[in-house]
Amino acid sequence: MTTTLLPGDVIWRNGRLATLDPAIDTPYGLLEHHDLIVRHGKILAVTPALANPGCEIIDLQGRLVTPGLIDCHTHLVYGGNRAQEWEQRLNGVSYQQISAQGGGINATVKATRAASAEQLQHMAQQRLNALMREGVTTIEVKSGYGLNLDDEQKMLRVAQRLAQTNPVEIAATLLAAHATPPEYKGDPDGYIDYVCDTILPALWEQKLFDAVDAFCENVGFSVAQTERVFAAAQALGIPVKGHVEQLSNLGGSALVGKYHGLSADHIEYLDEQGVMALRQGGSVAVLLPGAFYFLRETQRPPVDLLRQHNVPIAVATDINPGTSPFASLHLAMNMACVQFGLTPEEAWAGVTRHAARALGKQHTHGQLAAGFVADFIVWDAEQPVEMVYEPCRNPLRCRVYRGEARFLEGKSL
């Protein structure tokens, strides 16, 4: 097929393109001696080098190019931290004791409610900066530390402002069904009524989120309570996803599959029946190794079963103050390989095309292919494995968002 070029087109030439396109039968979808052609913020074509193209050419000088990274599960916006709780746990204080003293998730709820939107934005910006420096171009941001209409709205508006002021795409998720807030103590059903009847419809009407999440767990909400949230979302045409099977097997993944949810996240206690439900529902399994590591868990997600049933596997940071305070997707990739047995190529698929699918963006994000957004990263590296193998070294040279190049300070091509 002939590619007709226009004067405003840009050709990124002489790079090694790790396309992550599954239709290309090489590791990482790697292509040598191909041009990456960008027009109006989208990839026009990936093609063998063109002669005399008549438009701007950027010489990559043999550097590696990958799709922009996608962090598909984060709690980026929150107030305070829980470093002292972590120290207490390491000194032998139980979670139950910490919670009885006002710690746990309700400590973060208290700090988030007390913080102004400006304070939350400032703190979240620092975490976002770290992720963008690693090559993240798309990120999911959850609410869930407000647990009332005003503070859930505050969190989602902060996420909205971050998207407006940074070269990054943010997919916002309503996680009002994260925990029972203090004012509903002993009445989780009453709180779920409030979520379904008030928080969810009001904030959806304001266009503040793209999907609905719920924490289905013995320390969160039951399957029946979670289904009420999913049904309320489905009635409004809103996609769902779930924090499920992290600490026990309640059957939350089967519920995600039943509602054709975007993803089931954590899934350490997922069984084969749940895996099959995810496959039938077209849902993605999202691994969150940071929380597994930080909580010193021992029950690993059933990666072999997920492979056997062809369930797409994504990887994310789960950045949050209580169980995964790590603003590093490279580290999450490394942990997914070391702790869960993923291959480096699976980890890369997990932060590109499968992460895109976990956000419902599989047709536009996560690959270097014609028609996809021109979000890609230029690395001072030869192979994609290098960013997984050595997560504390960052070889990023240039971050391209919607076709616009942003070089790290002091670097150029």
Protein backbone atom coordinates (compact mmCIF):
# COMPACT_ATOMS: atom_id res chain seq x y z
CA MET A 1 0.00 0.00 0.00
CA THR A 2 1.34 3.44 -0.94
CA THR A 3 1.61 6.01 1.83
CA THR A 4 0.92 9.54 0.61
CA LEU A 5 2.77 12.08 2.73
CA LEU A 6 1.91 15.70 3.45
CA PRO A 7 4.33 18.53 4.32
CA GLY A 8 3.33 18.53 8.01
CA ASP A 9 3.96 14.81 8.51
CA VAL A 10 6.92 13.69 10.63
CA ILE A 11 8.98 10.56 10.00
CA TRP A 12 10.83 8.98 12.92
CA ARG A 13 13.56 7.01 11.13
CA ASN A 14 16.41 4.65 11.89
CA GLY A 15 14.98 3.25 15.09
CA ARG A 16 14.32 -0.25 16.35
CA LEU A 17 10.54 -0.36 16.73
CA ALA A 18 9.20 -2.64 19.45
CA THR A 19 5.64 -2.26 18.21
CA LEU A 20 3.96 -4.66 20.70
CA ASP A 21 1.68 -5.47 17.78
CA PRO A 22 0.65 -9.16 18.14
CA ALA A 23 0.21 -9.43 14.36
CA ILE A 24 3.99 -9.07 13.93
CA ASP A 25 5.62 -12.44 14.52
CA THR A 26 8.79 -11.31 16.26
CA PRO A 27 9.57 -10.85 19.97
CA TYR A 28 7.94 -7.60 21.14
CA GLY A 29 6.69 -7.10 17.56
CA LEU A 30 10.18 -5.78 16.78
CA LEU A 31 10.79 -4.17 13.38
CA GLU A 32 14.14 -3.04 12.04
CA HIS A 33 14.63 -0.43 9.29
CA HIS A 34 11.06 0.87 9.41
CA ASP A 35 9.71 4.40 9.46
CA LEU A 36 7.22 5.55 12.07
CA ILE A 37 5.12 8.24 10.39
CA VAL A 38 3.10 10.67 12.50
CA ARG A 39 0.30 12.98 11.36
CA HIS A 40 -1.82 15.21 13.61
CA GLY A 41 -0.99 13.29 16.79
CA LYS A 42 -1.67 9.83 15.37
CA ILE A 43 0.45 7.15 13.75
CA LEU A 44 -0.18 7.28 10.03
CA ALA A 45 1.91 4.25 9.14
CA VAL A 46 4.67 1.90 10.20
CA THR A 47 6.43 1.13 6.94
CA PRO A 48 9.79 0.23 5.44
CA ALA A 49 11.92 3.34 4.98
CA LEU A 50 10.58 5.64 2.27
CA ALA A 51 12.83 7.32 -0.29
CA ASN A 52 12.65 11.13 -0.69
CA PRO A 53 9.57 11.59 1.51
CA GLY A 54 9.49 15.40 1.29
CA CYS A 55 8.67 15.99 4.98
CA GLU A 56 10.46 16.31 8.30
CA ILE A 57 12.68 13.38 9.24
CA ILE A 58 13.92 12.73 12.78
CA ASP A 59 16.90 10.37 12.90
CA LEU A 60 16.64 8.02 15.89
CA GLN A 61 20.23 6.83 15.39
CA GLY A 62 19.39 3.20 16.10
CA ARG A 63 17.60 3.79 19.39
CA LEU A 64 14.79 1.60 20.70
CA VAL A 65 11.20 2.86 20.37
CA THR A 66 8.23 1.42 22.26
CA PRO A 67 4.63 2.47 22.78
CA GLY A 68 4.06 4.84 25.68
CA LEU A 69 3.55 2.97 28.93
CA ILE A 70 0.07 2.64 30.43
CA ASP A 71 -0.47 2.40 34.19
CA CYS A 72 -3.98 0.96 34.31
CA HIS A 73 -4.55 0.83 38.10
CA THR A 74 -3.54 3.68 40.42
CA HIS A 75 -4.79 5.57 43.45
CA LEU A 76 -2.70 8.59 42.50
CA VAL A 77 -4.75 11.22 44.36
CA TYR A 78 -4.72 11.01 48.16
CA GLY A 79 -3.79 12.98 51.24
CA GLY A 80 -1.14 12.18 53.81
CA ASN A 81 0.84 8.95 54.02
CA ARG A 82 0.89 5.85 56.20
CA ALA A 83 4.61 5.44 56.78
CA GLN A 84 4.13 5.20 60.54
CA GLU A 85 1.60 2.39 60.10
CA TRP A 86 4.09 0.48 58.00
CA GLU A 87 6.72 0.92 60.70
CA GLN A 88 4.23 -0.27 63.32
CA ARG A 89 3.46 -3.41 61.28
CA LEU A 90 7.17 -4.16 60.96
CA ASN A 91 7.44 -3.76 64.72
CA GLY A 92 4.75 -6.39 65.25
CA VAL A 93 1.56 -4.33 65.64
CA SER A 94 -1.36 -6.05 63.90
CA TYR A 95 -3.49 -4.43 61.22
CA GLN A 96 -6.52 -4.87 63.50
CA GLN A 97 -4.78 -2.87 66.25
CA ILE A 98 -3.76 -0.16 63.81
CA SER A 99 -7.30 0.03 62.46
CA ALA A 100 -8.76 0.25 65.97
CA GLN A 101 -6.48 3.22 66.58
CA GLY A 102 -7.97 5.01 63.56
CA GLY A 103 -5.44 3.77 61.03
CA GLY A 104 -5.89 1.86 57.79
CA ILE A 105 -7.87 3.20 54.90
CA ASN A 106 -9.91 5.50 57.12
CA ALA A 107 -6.70 7.34 58.06
CA THR A 108 -6.25 8.16 54.38
CA VAL A 109 -9.92 9.10 54.09
CA LYS A 110 -9.49 11.53 56.98
CA ALA A 111 -6.35 13.07 55.44
CA THR A 112 -7.89 13.30 51.98
CA ARG A 113 -11.05 14.94 53.25
CA ALA A 114 -8.97 17.46 55.22
CA ALA A 115 -6.76 18.39 52.25
CA SER A 116 -7.75 21.09 49.79
CA ALA A 117 -8.01 20.31 46.09
CA GLU A 118 -4.84 22.37 45.55
CA GLN A 119 -2.94 20.35 48.15
CA LEU A 120 -4.11 17.05 46.64
CA GLN A 121 -3.12 18.21 43.17
CA HIS A 122 0.35 19.25 44.34
CA MET A 123 0.98 15.88 46.00
CA ALA A 124 -0.40 13.89 43.06
CA GLN A 125 1.69 15.92 40.63
CA GLN A 126 4.90 14.69 42.26
CA ARG A 127 3.82 11.07 41.82
CA LEU A 128 2.69 11.72 38.27
CA ASN A 129 6.02 13.35 37.42
CA ALA A 130 7.85 10.18 38.47
CA LEU A 131 5.62 8.03 36.28
CA MET A 132 5.89 10.33 33.27
CA ARG A 133 9.70 10.33 33.57
CA GLU A 134 9.55 6.54 33.17
CA GLY A 135 7.58 6.80 29.95
CA VAL A 136 3.97 6.64 31.14
CA THR A 137 1.66 8.41 28.69
CA THR A 138 -1.71 7.05 29.89
CA ILE A 139 -2.76 6.48 33.48
CA GLU A 140 -5.88 5.41 35.32
CA VAL A 141 -6.68 7.40 38.47
CA LYS A 142 -9.25 6.19 41.00
CA SER A 143 -11.23 8.08 43.60
CA GLY A 144 -12.11 6.16 46.77
CA TYR A 145 -10.58 8.15 49.62
CA GLY A 146 -13.42 10.66 49.85
CA LEU A 147 -16.33 8.27 50.41
CA ASN A 148 -18.92 11.04 50.26
CA LEU A 149 -20.26 13.08 47.37
CA ASP A 150 -18.21 16.23 47.93
CA ASP A 151 -14.86 14.55 48.54
CA GLU A 152 -15.21 11.97 45.78
CA GLN A 153 -16.02 14.90 43.50
CA LYS A 154 -12.95 16.76 44.81
CA MET A 155 -10.67 13.84 44.01
CA LEU A 156 -12.06 13.37 40.50
CA ARG A 157 -11.78 17.08 39.75
CA VAL A 158 -8.13 16.94 40.77
CA ALA A 159 -7.62 14.07 38.31
CA GLN A 160 -9.36 16.15 35.66
CA ARG A 161 -7.06 19.11 36.30
CA LEU A 162 -3.98 16.89 36.16
CA ALA A 163 -5.09 15.74 32.72
CA GLN A 164 -5.55 19.32 31.60
CA THR A 165 -2.11 20.46 32.77
CA ASN A 166 0.13 17.52 31.83
CA PRO A 167 1.07 15.69 28.61
CA VAL A 168 -0.69 12.54 29.77
CA GLU A 169 -4.09 10.95 29.23
CA ILE A 170 -6.01 10.17 32.41
CA ALA A 171 -8.81 7.64 32.64
CA ALA A 172 -10.78 8.40 35.82
CA THR A 173 -12.51 5.66 37.81
CA LEU A 174 -15.13 6.07 40.53
CA LEU A 175 -14.18 3.86 43.48
CA ALA A 176 -16.69 5.14 46.01
CA ALA A 177 -17.31 1.49 46.99
CA HIS A 178 -13.80 1.24 48.44
CA ALA A 179 -14.62 1.00 52.13
CA THR A 180 -17.41 1.86 54.54
CA PRO A 181 -16.78 5.40 55.84
CA PRO A 182 -16.93 6.22 59.58
CA GLU A 183 -20.37 7.82 59.34
CA TYR A 184 -21.80 4.53 58.02
CA LYS A 185 -19.96 2.30 60.47
CA GLY A 186 -21.99 -0.88 60.94
CA ASP A 187 -24.22 -0.06 57.97
CA PRO A 188 -22.41 -1.02 54.75
CA ASP A 189 -25.72 -1.64 52.96
CA GLY A 190 -26.81 1.89 53.78
CA TYR A 191 -23.55 3.20 52.35
CA ILE A 192 -23.99 1.16 49.15
CA ASP A 193 -27.46 2.74 48.84
CA TYR A 194 -25.78 6.15 49.06
CA VAL A 195 -23.18 5.19 46.43
CA CYS A 196 -25.75 3.83 43.99
CA ASP A 197 -28.48 6.43 44.51
CA THR A 198 -26.44 9.60 45.02
CA ILE A 199 -22.68 9.54 44.39
CA LEU A 200 -22.62 7.49 41.21
CA PRO A 201 -25.40 9.22 39.22
CA ALA A 202 -24.45 12.73 40.36
CA LEU A 203 -20.79 12.46 39.38
CA TRP A 204 -21.57 10.60 36.16
CA GLU A 205 -23.85 13.46 35.16
CA GLN A 206 -20.89 15.80 35.69
CA LYS A 207 -18.75 13.63 33.36
CA LEU A 208 -16.08 13.15 36.04
CA PHE A 209 -15.28 9.48 35.48
CA ASP A 210 -15.09 6.80 32.81
CA ALA A 211 -15.65 3.57 34.76
CA VAL A 212 -16.84 2.26 38.13
CA ASP A 213 -14.79 0.08 40.49
CA ALA A 214 -15.58 -1.71 43.77
CA PHE A 215 -13.55 -3.51 46.41
CA CYS A 216 -15.15 -6.94 46.69
CA GLU A 217 -13.39 -8.54 49.64
CA ASN A 218 -14.01 -9.69 53.20
CA VAL A 219 -12.63 -6.34 54.43
CA GLY A 220 -14.53 -4.45 51.74
CA PHE A 221 -17.92 -5.33 50.28
CA SER A 222 -19.71 -8.60 49.63
CA VAL A 223 -20.48 -10.00 46.20
CA ALA A 224 -24.13 -8.98 46.63
CA GLN A 225 -23.19 -5.42 47.58
CA THR A 226 -20.69 -5.20 44.73
CA GLU A 227 -23.31 -6.43 42.28
CA ARG A 228 -25.63 -3.62 43.34
CA VAL A 229 -22.90 -1.14 42.38
CA PHE A 230 -22.27 -2.90 39.07
CA ALA A 231 -25.98 -3.00 38.26
CA ALA A 232 -26.34 0.71 38.99
CA ALA A 233 -23.39 1.43 36.70
CA GLN A 234 -24.69 -0.86 33.97
CA ALA A 235 -28.08 0.88 34.03
CA LEU A 236 -26.26 4.10 33.08
CA GLY A 237 -24.07 2.41 30.46
CA ILE A 238 -20.88 2.73 32.54
CA PRO A 239 -18.11 0.10 32.27
CA VAL A 240 -17.12 -1.69 35.49
CA LYS A 241 -14.01 -3.27 36.98
CA GLY A 242 -13.22 -4.85 40.33
CA HIS A 243 -10.68 -5.13 43.13
CA VAL A 244 -11.23 -8.87 43.60
CA GLU A 245 -9.72 -12.05 45.05
CA GLN A 246 -6.87 -10.17 46.74
CA LEU A 247 -7.18 -11.68 50.22
CA SER A 248 -9.71 -14.48 49.71
CA ASN A 249 -11.82 -16.07 46.99
CA LEU A 250 -15.29 -14.56 47.28
CA GLY A 251 -16.20 -14.95 43.60
CA GLY A 252 -15.75 -11.31 42.67
CA SER A 253 -13.96 -12.20 39.43
CA ALA A 254 -16.95 -14.26 38.30
CA LEU A 255 -19.07 -11.17 38.91
CA VAL A 256 -16.67 -9.05 36.83
CA GLY A 257 -16.96 -11.60 34.04
CA LYS A 258 -20.75 -11.68 34.32
CA TYR A 259 -20.89 -7.91 33.78
CA HIS A 260 -18.25 -8.03 31.00
CA GLY A 261 -16.07 -5.84 33.17
CA LEU A 262 -12.96 -4.17 31.83
CA SER A 263 -10.71 -5.87 34.37
CA ALA A 264 -10.35 -7.91 37.53
CA ASP A 265 -7.48 -6.56 39.62
CA HIS A 266 -5.22 -8.16 42.28
CA ILE A 267 -6.62 -11.74 41.81
CA GLU A 268 -4.11 -13.58 44.01
CA TYR A 269 -6.83 -16.03 45.13
CA LEU A 270 -8.43 -16.44 41.71
CA ASP A 271 -9.39 -20.04 40.84
CA GLU A 272 -9.96 -21.72 37.47
CA GLN A 273 -13.69 -21.05 37.55
CA GLY A 274 -12.97 -17.36 37.99
CA VAL A 275 -10.37 -17.43 35.23
CA MET A 276 -12.91 -18.96 32.84
CA ALA A 277 -15.45 -16.30 33.81
CA LEU A 278 -12.94 -13.58 32.94
CA ARG A 279 -12.26 -15.25 29.60
CA GLN A 280 -15.96 -15.48 28.81
CA GLY A 281 -16.53 -11.88 29.89
CA GLY A 282 -13.65 -10.52 27.81
CA SER A 283 -12.04 -9.07 30.95
CA VAL A 284 -8.36 -8.39 31.60
CA ALA A 285 -6.49 -9.78 34.61
CA VAL A 286 -4.50 -6.95 36.22
CA LEU A 287 -1.54 -7.97 38.38
CA LEU A 288 -0.45 -5.60 41.16
CA PRO A 289 2.87 -6.94 42.42
CA GLY A 290 3.69 -3.84 44.46
CA ALA A 291 0.92 -4.61 46.96
CA PHE A 292 1.88 -8.30 47.01
CA TYR A 293 5.45 -7.33 47.90
CA PHE A 294 4.60 -4.60 50.40
CA LEU A 295 2.13 -6.77 52.31
CA ARG A 296 4.52 -9.75 52.19
CA GLU A 297 1.82 -11.97 50.71
CA THR A 298 2.52 -15.56 49.72
CA GLN A 299 -0.49 -16.51 47.54
CA ARG A 300 0.54 -15.79 43.95
CA PRO A 301 -1.94 -15.09 41.14
CA PRO A 302 -2.63 -18.10 38.88
CA VAL A 303 -0.52 -16.95 35.95
CA ASP A 304 -0.37 -20.40 34.32
CA LEU A 305 -4.17 -20.66 34.35
CA LEU A 306 -4.49 -17.20 32.85
CA ARG A 307 -2.12 -18.22 30.05
CA GLN A 308 -3.93 -21.52 29.56
CA HIS A 309 -7.28 -19.78 29.10
CA ASN A 310 -5.84 -16.89 27.06
CA VAL A 311 -6.87 -14.18 29.51
CA PRO A 312 -4.91 -10.97 28.78
CA ILE A 313 -2.58 -10.05 31.65
CA ALA A 314 -1.85 -6.42 32.53
CA VAL A 315 0.58 -5.03 35.11
CA ALA A 316 0.14 -1.80 37.11
CA THR A 317 1.66 0.07 40.04
CA ASP A 318 -1.44 0.27 42.29
CA ILE A 319 0.27 3.33 43.78
CA ASN A 320 -1.47 4.07 47.08
CA PRO A 321 -0.40 5.07 50.62
CA GLY A 322 -1.28 1.85 52.42
CA THR A 323 -0.12 -1.10 50.36
CA SER A 324 1.91 0.04 47.34
CA PRO A 325 3.66 3.41 47.72
CA PHE A 326 5.69 2.95 44.53
CA ALA A 327 5.48 5.45 41.67
CA SER A 328 7.45 3.21 39.31
CA LEU A 329 5.94 1.11 36.55
CA HIS A 330 9.40 -0.26 35.71
CA LEU A 331 9.59 -1.64 39.24
CA ALA A 332 6.13 -3.17 38.90
CA MET A 333 7.25 -4.90 35.68
CA ASN A 334 10.33 -6.28 37.40
CA MET A 335 8.27 -7.50 40.36
CA ALA A 336 5.74 -9.15 38.02
CA CYS A 337 8.57 -11.16 36.48
CA VAL A 338 10.46 -11.99 39.69
CA GLN A 339 7.46 -12.63 41.97
CA PHE A 340 4.79 -13.88 39.58
CA GLY A 341 6.82 -15.54 36.83
CA LEU A 342 5.90 -13.36 33.87
CA THR A 343 8.36 -13.19 31.01
CA PRO A 344 9.74 -9.73 30.19
CA GLU A 345 7.73 -9.74 26.96
CA GLU A 346 4.55 -10.52 28.93
CA ALA A 347 5.38 -7.67 31.30
CA TRP A 348 5.77 -5.29 28.37
CA ALA A 349 2.46 -6.42 26.89
CA GLY A 350 1.02 -5.87 30.36
CA VAL A 351 1.91 -2.17 30.40
CA THR A 352 1.02 -1.51 26.75
CA ARG A 353 -1.61 -3.36 24.73
CA HIS A 354 -3.17 -5.33 27.61
CA ALA A 355 -3.19 -2.30 29.89
CA ALA A 356 -4.93 -0.41 27.08
CA ARG A 357 -7.58 -3.12 26.93
CA ALA A 358 -8.04 -2.88 30.71
CA LEU A 359 -9.08 0.73 30.09
CA GLY A 360 -11.22 -0.01 27.04
CA LYS A 361 -8.63 1.65 24.77
CA GLN A 362 -7.27 -1.38 22.93
CA HIS A 363 -8.08 0.03 19.47
CA THR A 364 -6.20 3.30 19.97
CA HIS A 365 -3.49 2.81 22.60
CA GLY A 366 -0.67 0.46 23.52
CA GLN A 367 0.81 -0.37 20.11
CA LEU A 368 2.89 1.23 17.38
CA ALA A 369 0.42 0.71 14.56
CA ALA A 370 -1.47 2.76 11.99
CA GLY A 371 -4.43 4.60 13.49
CA PHE A 372 -3.14 4.49 17.08
CA VAL A 373 -2.31 7.61 19.06
CA ALA A 374 1.27 8.80 18.57
CA ASP A 375 2.32 8.12 22.16
CA PHE A 376 5.76 6.50 22.15
CA ILE A 377 9.08 6.47 23.95
CA VAL A 378 12.64 6.68 22.61
CA TRP A 379 15.10 4.79 24.80
CA ASP A 380 18.89 4.65 25.05
CA ALA A 381 18.56 0.89 25.00
CA GLU A 382 18.85 -2.00 22.59
CA GLN A 383 16.20 -4.35 23.99
CA PRO A 384 12.94 -3.82 25.93
CA VAL A 385 14.12 -6.24 28.62
CA GLU A 386 16.61 -3.63 29.85
CA MET A 387 13.91 -1.51 31.54
CA VAL A 388 12.58 -4.62 33.32
CA TYR A 389 15.97 -6.04 34.25
CA GLU A 390 17.30 -2.82 35.78
CA PRO A 391 14.29 -0.80 36.97
CA CYS A 392 16.29 1.80 38.90
CA ARG A 393 18.16 2.93 35.77
CA ASN A 394 16.02 4.99 33.44
CA PRO A 395 17.33 5.06 29.84
CA LEU A 396 14.45 7.22 28.57
CA ARG A 397 15.69 9.85 26.12
CA CYS A 398 12.53 11.24 24.57
CA ARG A 399 8.87 11.02 25.55
CA VAL A 400 6.45 11.60 22.66
CA TYR A 401 2.83 12.41 23.51
CA ARG A 402 0.34 12.89 20.68
CA GLY A 403 3.27 13.36 18.32
CA GLU A 404 4.91 16.11 20.39
CA ALA A 405 8.45 15.28 21.53
CA ARG A 406 9.64 16.11 25.04
CA PHE A 407 13.27 15.30 25.73
CA LEU A 408 14.65 14.68 29.18
CA GLU A 409 16.63 17.64 30.42
CA GLY A 410 19.98 17.91 28.69
CA LYS A 411 19.16 15.30 26.05
CA SER A 412 18.38 15.43 22.33
CA LEU A 413 18.68 13.17 19.32
